[in-house]
Amino acid sequence: MLHQTRRHFLKQSAASLGAVALAQLLGESPTRAATNGRAKRVIYMFQSGAPSQIDLLDYKPELAKLHGTELPASVRMGQRLTGMTAGQKELPVAKNIRDFKQCGESGTWISELLPHIGSIADDICVVKTVHTEAINHDPAITFFMTGNQQPGRPSIGSWVSYGIGSENDNLPAFVVLLSRNTYPAAQPLYARLWGSGFLPANHQGVKFRSSGDPVLYLNDPAGSTLEVRRRLLDSLGKLNRIQLEQAGDPAIEARIASYEMSYRMQMSVPDLTDFSDEPESTFELYGEDARTPGTHAANCLLARRLAERDVRFIQLFHRGWDNHSQLPTEHPKICKEVDQGSAALVKDLKRRGLLDDTLIVWGGEFGRTVYAQGSLNGNGYGRDHHPRCFSMWLAGGGIKGGTTWGETDEFCYNIARDGVHVHELNATILHALGIDHRQLTYRFQGLDQRLTGVEEVEPVHGILS
């Protein structure tokens, strides 16, 4: 009788199960939509902390007359409040903190806090009626990034990488850029927001750093060479492939792919992150902040360079919008940090002929309330979380520029028409890339999982050209 140790038995059993899993993985290719996607890549500028739509993108001139009055119960309709304002005796209406102006030939109303974004009004579509169920930051951000409020699901960039892969063999399909935080009370960001969840690990986002080595552990140790690394990877690859044949574990294949990508990135990343070849006109466009690594402007410039190299999904995060107090003084500071770089990215892509096939998305996890958090006396008040309706803007990649979508009520508290749920927004992003969100699935725990959940949703065709 063949003698087997317990360890050998378990290893062989795992190998059989792993082989089945690998066969299922390799046999399950994602299905692309029959439509022709206009976008080849996405740049997602996520404004973590929730910008105030009332003060930036959804102009309500009548609020000036209502400033300081109590929010009518008929408007609120008993809707949920956070614990930060649920105990307030009054919910006083607060008007927009700066004037708005009509911008571009389209006449889109945009706050004077965003003059540079105002200058691209004819290139963007302002969606005023985005809504979500989440009312607190972490589940709300997680919902936007993964389609589920619970952690552990693949991020949207990972889904895109899995669905249509990469057009550049020397850079990851999914890159993440975080701005240096300037606001002490900013919400934390977790690596799971760009994780691959149950998808193969090679689809997770790769975070670039703003100081030191752009990517950790990318450079060889002192005294080593690329030739030595190549020999090491070749030997390691042989061992991994033997293990892959025995165990059939897809994680081993992902590990092999990651090692090879790291080797190629040793040559591609230094050129990518070196701005010395940029003319002075670039920094005039993006602003002096673009010379400082880690600023939003610098990350926008790096995003353009990644787009030029056909990186599929480029995720930017900028924090500091969570102004529960001091909003009239804090929001202008954050606007100044993001305004010029965001607009410059659109202008730069447009003049290089890349805007038509690059989808730009700009916005946060929810909006802010029309009523003040705290006393309206002076500038010490803030605004609470508001998931019922808030604004984002999109550009390029098949989006109708110079347009707005949806309407909110006179208090910017409820949707009047044409709401856009988080799942509908994500379905629209995938549609712009030529992906049918219903067919982009992955078998996990006995279910065909997808980014947009189990509900029947449609892309927002009205904002697409």
Protein backbone atom coordinates (compact mmCIF):
# COMPACT_ATOMS: atom_id res chain seq x y z
CA MET A 1 0.00 0.00 0.00
CA LEU A 2 1.28 3.49 -0.86
CA HIS A 3 2.40 5.26 2.28
CA GLN A 4 1.34 8.91 2.57
CA THR A 5 2.09 11.29 5.37
CA ARG A 6 -0.66 13.59 6.59
CA ARG A 7 1.20 16.56 5.08
CA HIS A 8 1.53 14.85 1.68
CA PHE A 9 -2.14 13.85 1.68
CA LEU A 10 -3.30 17.38 2.44
CA LYS A 11 -0.92 18.81 -0.14
CA GLN A 12 -2.17 16.48 -2.87
CA SER A 13 -5.80 17.14 -1.94
CA ALA A 14 -5.21 20.86 -2.09
CA ALA A 15 -3.48 20.42 -5.44
CA SER A 16 -6.53 18.66 -6.89
CA LEU A 17 -8.89 21.32 -5.64
CA GLY A 18 -6.51 24.05 -6.74
CA ALA A 19 -6.29 22.58 -10.22
CA VAL A 20 -10.06 22.70 -10.50
CA ALA A 21 -10.02 26.31 -9.34
CA LEU A 22 -7.27 27.19 -11.82
CA ALA A 23 -9.09 25.53 -14.69
CA GLN A 24 -12.23 27.44 -13.80
CA LEU A 25 -10.27 30.69 -13.57
CA LEU A 26 -8.47 30.23 -16.87
CA GLY A 27 -11.64 29.03 -18.60
CA GLU A 28 -13.72 31.94 -17.40
CA SER A 29 -12.91 34.87 -19.62
CA PRO A 30 -14.86 38.07 -18.98
CA THR A 31 -17.37 39.05 -21.64
CA ARG A 32 -17.16 42.50 -23.18
CA ALA A 33 -20.21 44.40 -24.31
CA ALA A 34 -21.31 44.52 -27.93
CA THR A 35 -21.09 48.31 -27.87
CA ASN A 36 -17.99 50.16 -28.98
CA GLY A 37 -16.48 51.80 -25.91
CA ARG A 38 -15.17 55.29 -26.53
CA ALA A 39 -12.80 55.19 -23.55
CA LYS A 40 -9.59 53.19 -23.41
CA ARG A 41 -8.66 54.27 -19.90
CA VAL A 42 -10.06 55.97 -16.78
CA ILE A 43 -8.64 58.68 -14.53
CA TYR A 44 -10.70 58.80 -11.35
CA MET A 45 -10.03 61.86 -9.13
CA PHE A 46 -11.72 60.85 -5.91
CA GLN A 47 -12.32 63.70 -3.47
CA SER A 48 -12.35 61.88 -0.15
CA GLY A 49 -14.32 63.49 2.67
CA ALA A 50 -17.27 64.73 0.61
CA PRO A 51 -17.15 68.14 -1.15
CA SER A 52 -20.16 70.37 -0.58
CA GLN A 53 -22.24 70.32 -3.75
CA ILE A 54 -24.18 73.36 -2.50
CA ASP A 55 -21.01 75.43 -2.39
CA LEU A 56 -19.37 74.12 -5.58
CA LEU A 57 -21.56 72.65 -8.33
CA ASP A 58 -25.30 72.85 -7.53
CA TYR A 59 -26.31 76.51 -7.49
CA LYS A 60 -29.38 77.38 -5.39
CA PRO A 61 -29.75 81.20 -5.45
CA GLU A 62 -32.97 81.09 -3.39
CA LEU A 63 -30.99 79.88 -0.38
CA ALA A 64 -29.77 83.44 0.14
CA LYS A 65 -33.33 84.43 1.11
CA LEU A 66 -33.74 81.36 3.31
CA HIS A 67 -30.37 81.68 5.07
CA GLY A 68 -30.80 81.07 8.80
CA THR A 69 -34.35 79.72 8.56
CA GLU A 70 -35.27 76.25 9.78
CA LEU A 71 -35.15 73.43 7.22
CA PRO A 72 -38.83 72.51 6.68
CA ALA A 73 -39.89 69.12 8.01
CA SER A 74 -41.65 68.55 4.69
CA VAL A 75 -38.27 68.64 2.95
CA ARG A 76 -36.43 66.42 5.38
CA MET A 77 -39.33 63.91 5.57
CA GLY A 78 -37.89 62.21 8.63
CA GLN A 79 -34.76 61.09 6.79
CA ARG A 80 -31.84 59.73 8.75
CA LEU A 81 -29.29 62.15 10.25
CA THR A 82 -25.84 61.32 11.55
CA GLY A 83 -25.15 61.35 15.28
CA MET A 84 -23.30 64.64 14.79
CA THR A 85 -26.43 66.68 14.07
CA ALA A 86 -29.29 64.44 15.21
CA GLY A 87 -29.19 66.18 18.59
CA GLN A 88 -29.16 69.74 17.24
CA LYS A 89 -32.18 71.75 18.36
CA GLU A 90 -32.20 73.63 15.06
CA LEU A 91 -31.25 72.81 11.47
CA PRO A 92 -30.67 76.28 10.00
CA VAL A 93 -30.36 76.63 6.23
CA ALA A 94 -26.93 77.89 5.13
CA LYS A 95 -26.52 79.57 1.74
CA ASN A 96 -23.56 78.94 -0.55
CA ILE A 97 -20.35 80.42 0.83
CA ARG A 98 -19.24 82.00 -2.46
CA ASP A 99 -20.97 83.34 -5.55
CA PHE A 100 -21.52 81.20 -8.63
CA LYS A 101 -21.03 82.26 -12.22
CA GLN A 102 -22.11 80.88 -15.56
CA CYS A 103 -19.13 79.40 -17.36
CA GLY A 104 -18.37 78.62 -20.98
CA GLU A 105 -20.74 78.71 -23.90
CA SER A 106 -22.88 76.15 -22.06
CA GLY A 107 -23.50 78.59 -19.21
CA THR A 108 -22.93 75.91 -16.57
CA TRP A 109 -23.17 77.34 -13.06
CA ILE A 110 -19.92 76.73 -11.14
CA SER A 111 -18.70 78.29 -7.92
CA GLU A 112 -16.08 81.02 -7.97
CA LEU A 113 -14.12 78.68 -5.69
CA LEU A 114 -13.36 76.59 -8.80
CA PRO A 115 -12.35 79.12 -11.49
CA HIS A 116 -10.10 76.66 -13.35
CA ILE A 117 -12.78 73.97 -13.45
CA GLY A 118 -15.12 76.72 -14.61
CA SER A 119 -12.80 77.25 -17.58
CA ILE A 120 -13.45 73.66 -18.77
CA ALA A 121 -17.24 73.90 -18.36
CA ASP A 122 -17.81 73.07 -22.03
CA ASP A 123 -15.81 69.85 -21.67
CA ILE A 124 -17.51 68.42 -18.60
CA CYS A 125 -20.89 67.03 -17.60
CA VAL A 126 -22.00 67.96 -14.08
CA VAL A 127 -24.17 65.22 -12.60
CA LYS A 128 -26.18 66.79 -9.76
CA THR A 129 -28.16 63.78 -8.61
CA VAL A 130 -25.73 61.10 -7.51
CA HIS A 131 -27.01 59.26 -4.45
CA THR A 132 -25.99 56.47 -2.10
CA GLU A 133 -27.29 54.57 0.93
CA ALA A 134 -24.11 55.01 2.98
CA ILE A 135 -24.04 57.92 5.42
CA ASN A 136 -20.58 57.45 7.00
CA HIS A 137 -17.24 57.87 5.27
CA ASP A 138 -15.63 54.44 5.27
CA PRO A 139 -18.63 52.43 4.05
CA ALA A 140 -19.47 55.22 1.58
CA ILE A 141 -15.97 55.29 0.07
CA THR A 142 -15.87 51.49 0.06
CA PHE A 143 -19.24 51.48 -1.76
CA PHE A 144 -17.95 53.79 -4.50
CA MET A 145 -14.69 51.91 -4.92
CA THR A 146 -16.01 48.33 -4.73
CA GLY A 147 -19.78 48.42 -5.22
CA ASN A 148 -20.37 47.16 -1.69
CA GLN A 149 -20.30 48.83 1.72
CA GLN A 150 -18.61 45.80 3.27
CA PRO A 151 -14.82 45.52 2.84
CA GLY A 152 -13.17 42.71 0.96
CA ARG A 153 -14.60 43.15 -2.54
CA PRO A 154 -12.51 43.96 -5.63
CA SER A 155 -12.09 47.64 -6.42
CA ILE A 156 -13.39 49.14 -9.64
CA GLY A 157 -9.85 49.44 -11.02
CA SER A 158 -9.29 45.74 -10.34
CA TRP A 159 -12.52 44.86 -12.15
CA VAL A 160 -11.42 46.92 -15.16
CA SER A 161 -7.97 45.30 -15.13
CA TYR A 162 -9.56 41.86 -14.95
CA GLY A 163 -12.13 42.69 -17.61
CA ILE A 164 -10.01 44.19 -20.37
CA GLY A 165 -6.43 43.87 -19.18
CA SER A 166 -3.57 46.22 -19.95
CA GLU A 167 -2.17 47.77 -23.10
CA ASN A 168 1.27 48.30 -21.55
CA ASP A 169 3.37 45.31 -20.55
CA ASN A 170 5.83 47.46 -18.59
CA LEU A 171 3.44 49.16 -16.17
CA PRO A 172 0.55 47.90 -14.04
CA ALA A 173 -2.95 48.16 -15.48
CA PHE A 174 -4.11 49.86 -12.26
CA VAL A 175 -2.10 52.62 -10.55
CA VAL A 176 -3.01 54.57 -7.39
CA LEU A 177 -1.79 58.07 -6.49
CA LEU A 178 -2.44 59.60 -3.07
CA SER A 179 -2.06 63.32 -2.40
CA ARG A 180 -0.14 64.37 0.69
CA ASN A 181 -2.68 65.22 3.35
CA THR A 182 -2.89 68.84 4.50
CA TYR A 183 -6.02 68.56 6.68
CA PRO A 184 -5.44 67.17 10.21
CA ALA A 185 -8.96 65.70 10.51
CA ALA A 186 -8.95 63.95 7.12
CA GLN A 187 -10.43 60.49 6.84
CA PRO A 188 -7.96 57.58 6.53
CA LEU A 189 -7.62 55.63 3.30
CA TYR A 190 -7.04 51.89 3.39
CA ALA A 191 -5.20 49.75 0.84
CA ARG A 192 -8.30 47.55 0.47
CA LEU A 193 -9.88 50.46 -1.47
CA TRP A 194 -7.63 49.51 -4.38
CA GLY A 195 -7.36 45.81 -3.50
CA SER A 196 -8.33 42.95 -5.80
CA GLY A 197 -10.53 41.13 -3.26
CA PHE A 198 -11.38 37.69 -4.60
CA LEU A 199 -9.96 38.47 -8.06
CA PRO A 200 -6.40 37.30 -8.83
CA ALA A 201 -3.84 39.42 -6.96
CA ASN A 202 -2.18 40.74 -10.10
CA HIS A 203 -5.24 42.96 -10.67
CA GLN A 204 -4.81 44.97 -7.47
CA GLY A 205 -3.79 48.62 -7.67
CA VAL A 206 -0.13 49.54 -7.35
CA LYS A 207 0.35 52.59 -5.14
CA PHE A 208 3.02 55.06 -6.23
CA ARG A 209 4.71 57.02 -3.46
CA SER A 210 5.61 60.70 -3.56
CA SER A 211 8.93 60.42 -1.71
CA GLY A 212 11.78 57.95 -1.89
CA ASP A 213 11.34 55.10 -4.34
CA PRO A 214 8.05 55.56 -6.27
CA VAL A 215 7.23 51.89 -5.63
CA LEU A 216 8.47 50.07 -2.54
CA TYR A 217 11.04 47.30 -3.02
CA LEU A 218 11.32 47.97 -6.74
CA ASN A 219 15.04 48.79 -6.77
CA ASP A 220 17.69 46.12 -6.43
CA PRO A 221 19.86 45.95 -3.30
CA ALA A 222 23.16 47.80 -3.45
CA GLY A 223 25.73 45.90 -5.50
CA SER A 224 23.16 43.93 -7.48
CA THR A 225 22.46 44.33 -11.20
CA LEU A 226 19.55 43.77 -13.56
CA GLU A 227 21.37 40.73 -14.97
CA VAL A 228 21.61 39.17 -11.50
CA ARG A 229 17.94 39.92 -10.88
CA ARG A 230 17.01 38.35 -14.24
CA ARG A 231 18.82 35.12 -13.38
CA LEU A 232 17.21 35.08 -9.94
CA LEU A 233 13.72 35.57 -11.39
CA ASP A 234 14.29 32.88 -14.01
CA SER A 235 15.31 30.37 -11.33
CA LEU A 236 12.48 31.41 -9.05
CA GLY A 237 10.05 31.21 -11.95
CA LYS A 238 11.03 27.60 -12.65
CA LEU A 239 10.42 26.67 -9.01
CA ASN A 240 7.09 28.49 -8.97
CA ARG A 241 5.93 26.77 -12.15
CA ILE A 242 6.75 23.37 -10.66
CA GLN A 243 4.67 24.32 -7.64
CA LEU A 244 1.91 25.61 -9.93
CA GLU A 245 1.76 22.28 -11.77
CA GLN A 246 1.54 20.42 -8.47
CA ALA A 247 -0.85 22.68 -6.57
CA GLY A 248 -2.74 24.45 -9.34
CA ASP A 249 -3.09 27.51 -7.13
CA PRO A 250 -3.95 30.65 -9.15
CA ALA A 251 -2.15 32.74 -6.50
CA ILE A 252 1.14 31.21 -7.68
CA GLU A 253 0.48 32.34 -11.25
CA ALA A 254 -0.34 35.83 -9.95
CA ARG A 255 2.92 35.82 -7.98
CA ILE A 256 4.91 34.93 -11.10
CA ALA A 257 3.22 37.75 -13.01
CA SER A 258 3.95 40.21 -10.19
CA TYR A 259 7.65 39.33 -10.13
CA GLU A 260 7.92 39.81 -13.87
CA MET A 261 6.05 43.12 -13.76
CA SER A 262 8.35 44.37 -10.98
CA TYR A 263 11.37 43.56 -13.13
CA ARG A 264 10.00 45.49 -16.10
CA MET A 265 8.97 48.40 -13.87
CA GLN A 266 12.59 48.83 -12.81
CA MET A 267 13.17 50.31 -16.26
CA SER A 268 9.80 51.96 -16.96
CA VAL A 269 9.06 53.75 -13.66
CA PRO A 270 12.14 56.02 -13.44
CA ASP A 271 11.36 57.49 -16.86
CA LEU A 272 7.67 57.82 -16.00
CA THR A 273 8.24 59.77 -12.78
CA ASP A 274 11.00 62.05 -14.09
CA PHE A 275 9.38 65.40 -14.90
CA SER A 276 12.62 66.98 -16.14
CA ASP A 277 11.55 66.50 -19.76
CA GLU A 278 8.39 68.57 -19.23
CA PRO A 279 8.53 72.09 -20.77
CA GLU A 280 7.90 75.19 -18.69
CA SER A 281 4.49 75.53 -20.30
CA THR A 282 3.41 72.34 -18.51
CA PHE A 283 4.02 73.90 -15.10
CA GLU A 284 2.31 77.09 -16.18
CA LEU A 285 -0.73 74.96 -16.99
CA TYR A 286 -0.74 72.78 -13.87
CA GLY A 287 0.62 75.43 -11.50
CA GLU A 288 3.76 75.59 -9.37
CA ASP A 289 2.38 72.88 -7.08
CA ALA A 290 3.07 70.40 -9.89
CA ARG A 291 6.79 70.71 -9.13
CA THR A 292 6.19 69.30 -5.63
CA PRO A 293 5.74 65.52 -5.51
CA GLY A 294 2.62 64.40 -3.70
CA THR A 295 0.49 67.44 -4.44
CA HIS A 296 -2.75 66.98 -6.35
CA ALA A 297 -1.31 68.97 -9.25
CA ALA A 298 1.78 66.73 -9.41
CA ASN A 299 -0.41 63.64 -9.33
CA CYS A 300 -2.57 65.05 -12.13
CA LEU A 301 0.55 65.55 -14.23
CA LEU A 302 1.72 62.03 -13.41
CA ALA A 303 -1.75 60.77 -14.35
CA ARG A 304 -1.37 62.36 -17.78
CA ARG A 305 2.00 60.65 -18.23
CA LEU A 306 0.44 57.33 -17.19
CA ALA A 307 -2.39 57.89 -19.67
CA GLU A 308 0.15 58.54 -22.43
CA ARG A 309 1.62 55.13 -21.60
CA ASP A 310 -1.80 53.45 -21.83
CA VAL A 311 -2.22 52.56 -18.17
CA ARG A 312 -5.81 51.37 -17.99
CA PHE A 313 -7.06 52.73 -14.64
CA ILE A 314 -5.46 55.65 -12.78
CA GLN A 315 -6.91 56.34 -9.34
CA LEU A 316 -6.19 59.62 -7.55
CA PHE A 317 -7.24 60.28 -3.95
CA HIS A 318 -7.32 63.73 -2.36
CA ARG A 319 -8.45 64.19 1.23
CA GLY A 320 -9.56 67.13 3.35
CA TRP A 321 -13.18 67.79 2.37
CA ASP A 322 -14.77 66.57 5.62
CA ASN A 323 -15.53 70.00 7.07
CA HIS A 324 -17.96 69.58 9.94
CA SER A 325 -16.74 72.93 11.22
CA GLN A 326 -14.95 75.92 9.72
CA LEU A 327 -16.30 75.04 6.26
CA PRO A 328 -16.30 78.67 4.99
CA THR A 329 -12.54 78.82 5.58
CA GLU A 330 -11.51 75.17 5.02
CA HIS A 331 -13.36 74.43 1.77
CA PRO A 332 -11.64 77.30 -0.11
CA LYS A 333 -8.25 75.89 0.92
CA ILE A 334 -9.04 72.44 -0.47
CA CYS A 335 -10.52 73.96 -3.62
CA LYS A 336 -7.27 75.80 -4.21
CA GLU A 337 -5.34 72.54 -3.83
CA VAL A 338 -7.34 70.65 -6.47
CA ASP A 339 -8.84 73.21 -8.86
CA GLN A 340 -5.98 74.06 -11.20
CA GLY A 341 -4.51 70.56 -11.46
CA SER A 342 -7.89 68.95 -12.15
CA ALA A 343 -8.71 71.40 -14.94
CA ALA A 344 -5.18 71.29 -16.34
CA LEU A 345 -5.40 67.52 -16.71
CA VAL A 346 -8.50 67.85 -18.89
CA LYS A 347 -6.93 70.63 -20.97
CA ASP A 348 -3.65 68.75 -21.34
CA LEU A 349 -5.31 65.53 -22.45
CA LYS A 350 -7.47 67.47 -24.90
CA ARG A 351 -4.56 69.25 -26.60
CA ARG A 352 -2.70 65.93 -26.89
CA GLY A 353 -5.69 64.18 -28.47
CA LEU A 354 -6.17 61.88 -25.48
CA LEU A 355 -9.36 63.26 -23.95
CA ASP A 356 -11.65 61.54 -26.46
CA ASP A 357 -10.56 58.11 -25.26
CA THR A 358 -9.87 58.93 -21.60
CA LEU A 359 -12.77 59.03 -19.15
CA ILE A 360 -12.34 61.52 -16.31
CA VAL A 361 -14.39 61.17 -13.10
CA TRP A 362 -14.30 63.76 -10.26
CA GLY A 363 -16.24 63.58 -6.99
CA GLY A 364 -16.57 62.26 -3.44
CA GLU A 365 -18.45 59.62 -1.47
CA PHE A 366 -21.52 61.75 -0.65
CA GLY A 367 -22.49 65.39 -0.36
CA ARG A 368 -23.12 67.83 2.47
CA THR A 369 -26.29 69.12 4.07
CA VAL A 370 -28.01 72.40 3.24
CA TYR A 371 -28.34 73.01 6.97
CA ALA A 372 -25.44 74.09 9.14
CA GLN A 373 -23.72 71.88 11.65
CA GLY A 374 -23.20 74.14 14.63
CA SER A 375 -24.08 77.81 14.98
CA LEU A 376 -24.37 79.98 11.87
CA ASN A 377 -22.72 82.87 13.70
CA GLY A 378 -19.36 83.61 12.07
CA ASN A 379 -17.42 81.04 10.01
CA GLY A 380 -17.25 78.28 12.59
CA TYR A 381 -20.09 76.18 11.20
CA GLY A 382 -19.82 73.18 8.94
CA ARG A 383 -22.14 70.88 7.00
CA ASP A 384 -23.03 67.29 7.87
CA HIS A 385 -23.03 64.24 5.58
CA HIS A 386 -25.73 64.09 2.92
CA PRO A 387 -26.11 60.93 0.81
CA ARG A 388 -29.50 61.84 -0.70
CA CYS A 389 -28.12 63.94 -3.58
CA PHE A 390 -24.72 65.32 -4.48
CA SER A 391 -22.69 66.39 -7.49
CA MET A 392 -19.85 64.92 -9.51
CA TRP A 393 -18.45 65.78 -12.92
CA LEU A 394 -17.22 63.64 -15.78
CA ALA A 395 -15.34 64.44 -19.00
CA GLY A 396 -13.91 62.79 -22.08
CA GLY A 397 -14.39 59.14 -23.05
CA GLY A 398 -17.77 59.60 -24.71
CA ILE A 399 -19.25 62.04 -22.16
CA LYS A 400 -21.36 64.94 -23.46
CA GLY A 401 -19.41 68.06 -22.58
CA GLY A 402 -21.07 71.33 -21.61
CA THR A 403 -24.06 69.60 -20.04
CA THR A 404 -25.67 68.97 -16.68
CA TRP A 405 -27.70 65.94 -15.63
CA GLY A 406 -30.49 65.76 -13.10
CA GLU A 407 -32.13 68.29 -10.82
CA THR A 408 -32.44 68.58 -7.06
CA ASP A 409 -35.11 70.42 -5.10
CA GLU A 410 -34.77 74.08 -4.07
CA PHE A 411 -33.02 73.04 -0.85
CA CYS A 412 -30.59 70.67 -2.60
CA TYR A 413 -31.90 68.03 -0.21
CA ASN A 414 -33.83 65.59 -2.42
CA ILE A 415 -33.70 64.53 -6.07
CA ALA A 416 -36.32 66.13 -8.27
CA ARG A 417 -35.53 64.11 -11.40
CA ASP A 418 -32.96 61.80 -13.02
CA GLY A 419 -31.18 60.33 -10.01
CA VAL A 420 -27.92 58.41 -10.49
CA HIS A 421 -27.17 55.65 -8.00
CA VAL A 422 -23.60 54.52 -7.27
CA HIS A 423 -24.22 51.28 -9.18
CA GLU A 424 -25.51 53.26 -12.16
CA LEU A 425 -22.41 55.45 -12.11
CA ASN A 426 -20.14 52.40 -12.06
CA ALA A 427 -22.18 50.78 -14.84
CA THR A 428 -21.68 53.97 -16.88
CA ILE A 429 -17.92 53.91 -16.32
CA LEU A 430 -17.76 50.30 -17.50
CA HIS A 431 -20.03 51.06 -20.46
CA ALA A 432 -17.74 53.89 -21.57
CA LEU A 433 -14.93 51.30 -21.65
CA GLY A 434 -17.06 48.96 -23.77
CA ILE A 435 -17.88 46.60 -20.90
CA ASP A 436 -21.36 45.30 -20.17
CA HIS A 437 -21.50 45.43 -16.37
CA ARG A 438 -23.94 42.52 -16.27
CA GLN A 439 -21.49 40.23 -18.02
CA LEU A 440 -18.34 41.25 -16.14
CA THR A 441 -18.61 38.56 -13.46
CA TYR A 442 -16.40 36.32 -11.35
CA ARG A 443 -17.48 33.08 -9.71
CA PHE A 444 -16.93 33.31 -5.95
CA GLN A 445 -18.66 31.50 -3.09
CA GLY A 446 -21.07 29.93 -5.55
CA LEU A 447 -22.25 33.23 -7.03
CA ASP A 448 -21.42 35.21 -10.15
CA GLN A 449 -20.17 38.33 -8.41
CA ARG A 450 -20.10 41.69 -10.16
CA LEU A 451 -19.17 45.30 -9.40
CA THR A 452 -22.72 46.62 -9.77
CA GLY A 453 -24.42 44.18 -7.41
CA VAL A 454 -27.47 42.04 -8.04
CA GLU A 455 -29.88 44.88 -8.79
CA GLU A 456 -30.91 45.57 -12.37
CA VAL A 457 -29.31 48.91 -13.26
CA GLU A 458 -28.52 50.62 -16.53
CA PRO A 459 -25.74 53.00 -17.56
CA VAL A 460 -26.77 56.67 -17.66
CA HIS A 461 -27.11 56.88 -21.43
CA GLY A 462 -28.26 60.50 -21.28
CA ILE A 463 -24.76 61.77 -20.42
CA LEU A 464 -23.08 59.76 -23.19
CA SER A 465 -22.49 61.12 -26.67
